[in-house]
């Protein structure tokens, strides 16, 4: 079964990197350019996992996590935070909001794919 990933990041470069990396790793990926776009695509993408940046315009990653968790059909969907942020306070805030895991950019292709498989197992 091909896992579906919804990746939300405001950086065009990061979205391009995620597209290449995750497609080559065998995932079906939907890209969103910010939190609002990600939530709009959430239902049609039917993701097995959501990957979100934290610092984004319109709706940041914390807002995305809270909004995904507020939807009954996505309360259990794993959410990985992929960000340049590394402070313990931000990690704690994300976990409290409902994040499943935290990965600091730049990411390693194999480690990201492994994290996705781990949280969807």
N, C-alpha and C. Protein backbone atom coordinates (compact mmCIF):
# COMPACT_ATOMS: atom_id res chain seq x y z
N UNK A 1 0.83 -1.18 0.00
CA UNK A 1 0.00 0.00 0.00
C UNK A 1 0.88 1.26 0.00
N UNK A 2 0.57 2.17 -0.87
CA UNK A 2 1.31 3.43 -0.95
C UNK A 2 0.77 4.39 0.09
N UNK A 3 1.64 4.89 0.94
CA UNK A 3 1.23 5.85 1.95
C UNK A 3 1.06 7.23 1.34
N UNK A 4 0.01 7.93 1.79
CA UNK A 4 -0.26 9.29 1.32
C UNK A 4 0.24 10.30 2.34
N UNK A 5 0.98 11.30 1.84
CA UNK A 5 1.56 12.33 2.70
C UNK A 5 1.05 13.69 2.26
N UNK A 6 0.59 14.48 3.21
CA UNK A 6 0.27 15.89 2.97
C UNK A 6 1.41 16.69 3.59
N UNK A 7 2.18 17.40 2.75
CA UNK A 7 3.31 18.18 3.22
C UNK A 7 3.00 19.66 3.09
N UNK A 8 3.09 20.38 4.21
CA UNK A 8 2.73 21.80 4.26
C UNK A 8 3.98 22.61 4.61
N UNK A 9 4.39 23.47 3.67
CA UNK A 9 5.56 24.31 3.90
C UNK A 9 5.47 25.53 3.00
N UNK A 10 5.76 26.70 3.53
CA UNK A 10 5.65 27.93 2.74
C UNK A 10 6.83 28.14 1.81
N UNK A 11 7.90 27.38 1.97
CA UNK A 11 9.07 27.51 1.11
C UNK A 11 8.92 26.66 -0.14
N UNK A 12 8.96 27.31 -1.29
CA UNK A 12 8.86 26.59 -2.57
C UNK A 12 10.01 25.59 -2.70
N UNK A 13 11.20 25.99 -2.28
CA UNK A 13 12.36 25.10 -2.35
C UNK A 13 12.14 23.86 -1.50
N UNK A 14 11.62 24.05 -0.28
CA UNK A 14 11.38 22.90 0.60
C UNK A 14 10.30 21.99 0.02
N UNK A 15 9.26 22.58 -0.54
CA UNK A 15 8.21 21.75 -1.16
C UNK A 15 8.79 20.94 -2.31
N UNK A 16 9.65 21.55 -3.11
CA UNK A 16 10.28 20.83 -4.22
C UNK A 16 11.16 19.68 -3.69
N UNK A 17 11.93 19.94 -2.63
CA UNK A 17 12.77 18.90 -2.04
C UNK A 17 11.92 17.75 -1.49
N UNK A 18 10.84 18.10 -0.81
CA UNK A 18 9.95 17.07 -0.27
C UNK A 18 9.30 16.25 -1.39
N UNK A 19 8.90 16.92 -2.45
CA UNK A 19 8.28 16.24 -3.59
C UNK A 19 9.23 15.17 -4.14
N UNK A 20 10.47 15.57 -4.40
CA UNK A 20 11.45 14.64 -4.96
C UNK A 20 11.76 13.52 -3.97
N UNK A 21 12.09 13.89 -2.75
CA UNK A 21 12.48 12.91 -1.74
C UNK A 21 11.39 11.88 -1.47
N UNK A 22 10.19 12.36 -1.22
CA UNK A 22 9.11 11.44 -0.84
C UNK A 22 8.60 10.63 -2.02
N UNK A 23 8.59 11.21 -3.20
CA UNK A 23 8.17 10.46 -4.38
C UNK A 23 9.18 9.34 -4.66
N UNK A 24 10.47 9.67 -4.57
CA UNK A 24 11.50 8.64 -4.78
C UNK A 24 11.46 7.56 -3.71
N UNK A 25 10.94 7.90 -2.53
CA UNK A 25 10.81 6.91 -1.45
C UNK A 25 9.51 6.12 -1.55
N UNK A 26 8.71 6.40 -2.58
CA UNK A 26 7.51 5.61 -2.82
C UNK A 26 6.23 6.14 -2.21
N UNK A 27 6.23 7.38 -1.73
CA UNK A 27 5.04 7.96 -1.14
C UNK A 27 4.22 8.71 -2.19
N UNK A 28 2.93 8.82 -1.95
CA UNK A 28 2.05 9.65 -2.76
C UNK A 28 1.93 10.97 -2.01
N UNK A 29 2.41 12.06 -2.60
CA UNK A 29 2.51 13.32 -1.87
C UNK A 29 1.60 14.40 -2.44
N UNK A 30 0.95 15.12 -1.53
CA UNK A 30 0.20 16.33 -1.85
C UNK A 30 0.91 17.47 -1.15
N UNK A 31 1.13 18.57 -1.87
CA UNK A 31 1.84 19.72 -1.32
C UNK A 31 0.89 20.87 -1.05
N UNK A 32 1.17 21.60 0.02
CA UNK A 32 0.40 22.80 0.36
C UNK A 32 1.38 23.91 0.74
N UNK A 33 1.03 25.15 0.37
CA UNK A 33 1.98 26.26 0.55
C UNK A 33 1.87 26.99 1.88
N UNK A 34 0.84 26.72 2.66
CA UNK A 34 0.73 27.28 4.00
C UNK A 34 -0.35 26.51 4.75
N UNK A 35 -0.57 26.89 6.00
CA UNK A 35 -1.52 26.15 6.83
C UNK A 35 -2.94 26.16 6.30
N UNK A 36 -3.40 27.29 5.79
CA UNK A 36 -4.76 27.37 5.25
C UNK A 36 -4.90 26.46 4.04
N UNK A 37 -3.92 26.52 3.13
CA UNK A 37 -3.92 25.66 1.95
C UNK A 37 -3.89 24.19 2.37
N UNK A 38 -3.10 23.88 3.38
CA UNK A 38 -3.02 22.50 3.88
C UNK A 38 -4.34 21.99 4.42
N UNK A 39 -5.02 22.82 5.19
CA UNK A 39 -6.31 22.40 5.72
C UNK A 39 -7.34 22.25 4.61
N UNK A 40 -7.25 23.11 3.59
CA UNK A 40 -8.15 22.99 2.44
C UNK A 40 -7.94 21.66 1.71
N UNK A 41 -6.69 21.19 1.66
CA UNK A 41 -6.36 19.97 0.93
C UNK A 41 -6.47 18.71 1.79
N UNK A 42 -6.69 18.88 3.08
CA UNK A 42 -6.69 17.75 4.01
C UNK A 42 -7.71 16.68 3.62
N UNK A 43 -8.92 17.07 3.33
CA UNK A 43 -9.97 16.09 3.04
C UNK A 43 -9.77 15.39 1.70
N UNK A 44 -9.40 16.14 0.67
CA UNK A 44 -9.23 15.52 -0.64
C UNK A 44 -7.97 14.68 -0.72
N UNK A 45 -6.95 15.04 0.03
CA UNK A 45 -5.68 14.29 0.01
C UNK A 45 -5.80 12.97 0.77
N UNK A 46 -6.69 12.91 1.76
CA UNK A 46 -6.85 11.73 2.61
C UNK A 46 -5.49 11.18 3.07
N UNK A 47 -4.68 12.02 3.73
CA UNK A 47 -3.31 11.59 4.06
C UNK A 47 -3.25 10.56 5.18
N UNK A 48 -2.23 9.72 5.08
CA UNK A 48 -1.90 8.79 6.16
C UNK A 48 -1.04 9.50 7.19
N UNK A 49 -0.37 10.57 6.77
CA UNK A 49 0.48 11.38 7.65
C UNK A 49 0.52 12.81 7.12
N UNK A 50 0.59 13.76 8.04
CA UNK A 50 0.73 15.17 7.70
C UNK A 50 2.12 15.61 8.16
N UNK A 51 2.82 16.33 7.28
CA UNK A 51 4.10 16.94 7.63
C UNK A 51 3.89 18.44 7.54
N UNK A 52 4.24 19.15 8.60
CA UNK A 52 4.04 20.60 8.58
C UNK A 52 5.25 21.36 9.11
N UNK A 53 5.50 22.49 8.49
CA UNK A 53 6.48 23.45 8.99
C UNK A 53 5.81 24.19 10.15
N UNK A 54 6.56 24.91 10.93
CA UNK A 54 5.99 25.72 12.02
C UNK A 54 5.77 27.16 11.59
N UNK A 55 6.82 27.79 11.09
CA UNK A 55 6.74 29.21 10.75
C UNK A 55 6.22 29.41 9.33
N UNK A 56 4.94 29.77 9.24
CA UNK A 56 4.29 29.99 7.94
C UNK A 56 3.31 31.15 8.06
N UNK A 57 3.06 31.82 6.94
CA UNK A 57 2.06 32.90 6.95
C UNK A 57 0.64 32.33 7.02
N UNK A 58 -0.30 33.17 7.31
CA UNK A 58 -1.74 32.88 7.38
C UNK A 58 -2.10 31.92 8.52
N UNK A 59 -1.49 30.76 8.60
CA UNK A 59 -1.74 29.82 9.69
C UNK A 59 -0.45 29.03 9.93
N UNK A 60 0.10 29.16 11.13
CA UNK A 60 1.37 28.48 11.41
C UNK A 60 1.14 26.99 11.71
N UNK A 61 2.24 26.28 11.91
CA UNK A 61 2.17 24.85 12.14
C UNK A 61 1.41 24.46 13.40
N UNK A 62 1.50 25.27 14.44
CA UNK A 62 0.74 24.97 15.66
C UNK A 62 -0.75 25.02 15.36
N UNK A 63 -1.17 26.02 14.58
CA UNK A 63 -2.57 26.12 14.18
C UNK A 63 -3.01 24.95 13.33
N UNK A 64 -2.11 24.49 12.46
CA UNK A 64 -2.41 23.32 11.62
C UNK A 64 -2.63 22.11 12.51
N UNK A 65 -1.70 21.88 13.43
CA UNK A 65 -1.81 20.71 14.31
C UNK A 65 -3.14 20.74 15.08
N UNK A 66 -3.46 21.88 15.67
CA UNK A 66 -4.70 22.00 16.44
C UNK A 66 -5.93 21.78 15.56
N UNK A 67 -5.92 22.33 14.34
CA UNK A 67 -7.07 22.19 13.43
C UNK A 67 -7.23 20.74 12.97
N UNK A 68 -6.12 20.07 12.68
CA UNK A 68 -6.21 18.66 12.27
C UNK A 68 -6.76 17.83 13.42
N UNK A 69 -6.25 18.06 14.61
CA UNK A 69 -6.72 17.30 15.78
C UNK A 69 -8.19 17.58 16.11
N UNK A 70 -8.68 18.74 15.73
CA UNK A 70 -10.08 19.10 16.00
C UNK A 70 -11.05 18.38 15.08
N UNK A 71 -10.56 17.82 14.00
CA UNK A 71 -11.42 17.10 13.05
C UNK A 71 -11.50 15.64 13.45
N UNK A 72 -12.71 15.18 13.69
CA UNK A 72 -12.91 13.82 14.19
C UNK A 72 -12.24 12.76 13.32
N UNK A 73 -12.29 12.93 12.01
CA UNK A 73 -11.73 11.92 11.12
C UNK A 73 -10.20 11.99 11.00
N UNK A 74 -9.57 12.96 11.66
CA UNK A 74 -8.11 13.07 11.60
C UNK A 74 -7.47 13.16 12.98
N UNK A 75 -8.22 12.85 14.02
CA UNK A 75 -7.66 12.92 15.38
C UNK A 75 -6.47 11.99 15.56
N UNK A 76 -6.47 10.87 14.84
CA UNK A 76 -5.39 9.89 14.98
C UNK A 76 -4.36 9.96 13.85
N UNK A 77 -4.54 10.87 12.89
CA UNK A 77 -3.58 10.99 11.79
C UNK A 77 -2.24 11.49 12.35
N UNK A 78 -1.16 10.76 12.10
CA UNK A 78 0.15 11.21 12.59
C UNK A 78 0.53 12.56 11.96
N UNK A 79 1.13 13.42 12.77
CA UNK A 79 1.60 14.72 12.31
C UNK A 79 3.07 14.87 12.68
N UNK A 80 3.90 15.02 11.64
CA UNK A 80 5.32 15.26 11.86
C UNK A 80 5.62 16.73 11.61
N UNK A 81 6.33 17.35 12.53
CA UNK A 81 6.76 18.73 12.35
C UNK A 81 8.14 18.68 11.70
N UNK A 82 8.30 19.42 10.59
CA UNK A 82 9.57 19.52 9.88
C UNK A 82 9.93 20.99 9.82
N UNK A 83 10.90 21.41 10.63
CA UNK A 83 11.17 22.83 10.82
C UNK A 83 12.63 23.09 11.12
N UNK A 84 13.02 24.35 11.02
CA UNK A 84 14.38 24.75 11.43
C UNK A 84 14.44 25.00 12.94
N UNK A 85 13.30 25.09 13.57
CA UNK A 85 13.22 25.35 15.01
C UNK A 85 13.68 24.12 15.79
N UNK A 86 14.37 24.35 16.91
CA UNK A 86 14.82 23.21 17.70
C UNK A 86 14.69 23.42 19.21
N UNK A 87 14.02 24.50 19.61
CA UNK A 87 13.94 24.77 21.05
C UNK A 87 13.02 23.76 21.75
N UNK A 88 13.40 23.37 22.95
CA UNK A 88 12.57 22.44 23.72
C UNK A 88 11.16 22.98 23.96
N UNK A 89 11.04 24.31 24.12
CA UNK A 89 9.72 24.91 24.36
C UNK A 89 8.81 24.73 23.15
N UNK A 90 9.35 24.91 21.96
CA UNK A 90 8.53 24.75 20.74
C UNK A 90 8.16 23.29 20.54
N UNK A 91 9.10 22.39 20.81
CA UNK A 91 8.81 20.95 20.70
C UNK A 91 7.70 20.57 21.67
N UNK A 92 7.79 21.07 22.89
CA UNK A 92 6.78 20.78 23.89
C UNK A 92 5.42 21.34 23.48
N UNK A 93 5.41 22.55 22.96
CA UNK A 93 4.15 23.16 22.50
C UNK A 93 3.53 22.33 21.38
N UNK A 94 4.36 21.85 20.46
CA UNK A 94 3.85 21.04 19.35
C UNK A 94 3.29 19.71 19.85
N UNK A 95 3.98 19.08 20.77
CA UNK A 95 3.49 17.81 21.32
C UNK A 95 2.17 18.02 22.08
N UNK A 96 2.10 19.11 22.83
CA UNK A 96 0.87 19.42 23.55
C UNK A 96 -0.29 19.64 22.58
N UNK A 97 0.00 20.26 21.44
CA UNK A 97 -1.04 20.51 20.43
C UNK A 97 -1.46 19.22 19.73
N UNK A 98 -0.58 18.20 19.75
CA UNK A 98 -0.93 16.93 19.13
C UNK A 98 0.04 16.40 18.10
N UNK A 99 1.23 17.00 17.99
CA UNK A 99 2.23 16.51 17.03
C UNK A 99 2.74 15.14 17.47
N UNK A 100 3.02 14.31 16.49
CA UNK A 100 3.50 12.95 16.74
C UNK A 100 5.02 12.91 16.81
N UNK A 101 5.69 13.77 16.01
CA UNK A 101 7.14 13.76 15.97
C UNK A 101 7.69 15.10 15.49
N UNK A 102 9.00 15.27 15.61
CA UNK A 102 9.67 16.53 15.30
C UNK A 102 10.96 16.21 14.56
N UNK A 103 11.16 16.83 13.39
CA UNK A 103 12.37 16.65 12.60
C UNK A 103 12.92 18.03 12.28
N UNK A 104 14.22 18.22 12.51
CA UNK A 104 14.84 19.51 12.25
C UNK A 104 15.42 19.52 10.83
N UNK A 105 15.15 20.62 10.10
CA UNK A 105 15.72 20.82 8.77
C UNK A 105 17.19 21.19 8.92
N UNK A 106 18.03 20.87 7.97
CA UNK A 106 17.72 20.11 6.76
C UNK A 106 17.49 18.64 7.11
N UNK A 107 16.63 18.00 6.35
CA UNK A 107 16.27 16.62 6.64
C UNK A 107 17.08 15.65 5.79
N UNK A 108 17.23 14.45 6.31
CA UNK A 108 17.86 13.35 5.59
C UNK A 108 16.73 12.52 4.97
N UNK A 109 16.83 12.21 3.67
CA UNK A 109 15.77 11.49 2.96
C UNK A 109 15.40 10.17 3.65
N UNK A 110 16.40 9.40 4.00
CA UNK A 110 16.16 8.09 4.60
C UNK A 110 15.53 8.24 5.99
N UNK A 111 16.02 9.19 6.77
CA UNK A 111 15.48 9.41 8.11
C UNK A 111 14.03 9.88 8.04
N UNK A 112 13.71 10.74 7.08
CA UNK A 112 12.33 11.22 6.93
C UNK A 112 11.41 10.07 6.54
N UNK A 113 11.82 9.28 5.57
CA UNK A 113 11.01 8.13 5.16
C UNK A 113 10.82 7.15 6.32
N UNK A 114 11.89 6.93 7.08
CA UNK A 114 11.80 6.03 8.25
C UNK A 114 10.83 6.57 9.29
N UNK A 115 10.88 7.89 9.52
CA UNK A 115 9.96 8.51 10.49
C UNK A 115 8.51 8.33 10.04
N UNK A 116 8.26 8.50 8.76
CA UNK A 116 6.89 8.34 8.24
C UNK A 116 6.43 6.90 8.45
N UNK A 117 7.28 5.94 8.11
CA UNK A 117 6.90 4.54 8.30
C UNK A 117 6.69 4.22 9.78
N UNK A 118 7.52 4.79 10.64
CA UNK A 118 7.42 4.53 12.07
C UNK A 118 6.09 5.04 12.64
N UNK A 119 5.68 6.25 12.26
CA UNK A 119 4.46 6.82 12.84
C UNK A 119 3.18 6.28 12.21
N UNK A 120 3.31 5.61 11.07
CA UNK A 120 2.12 5.04 10.42
C UNK A 120 1.99 3.55 10.64
N UNK A 121 2.96 2.96 11.35
CA UNK A 121 2.93 1.51 11.58
C UNK A 121 1.87 1.11 12.58
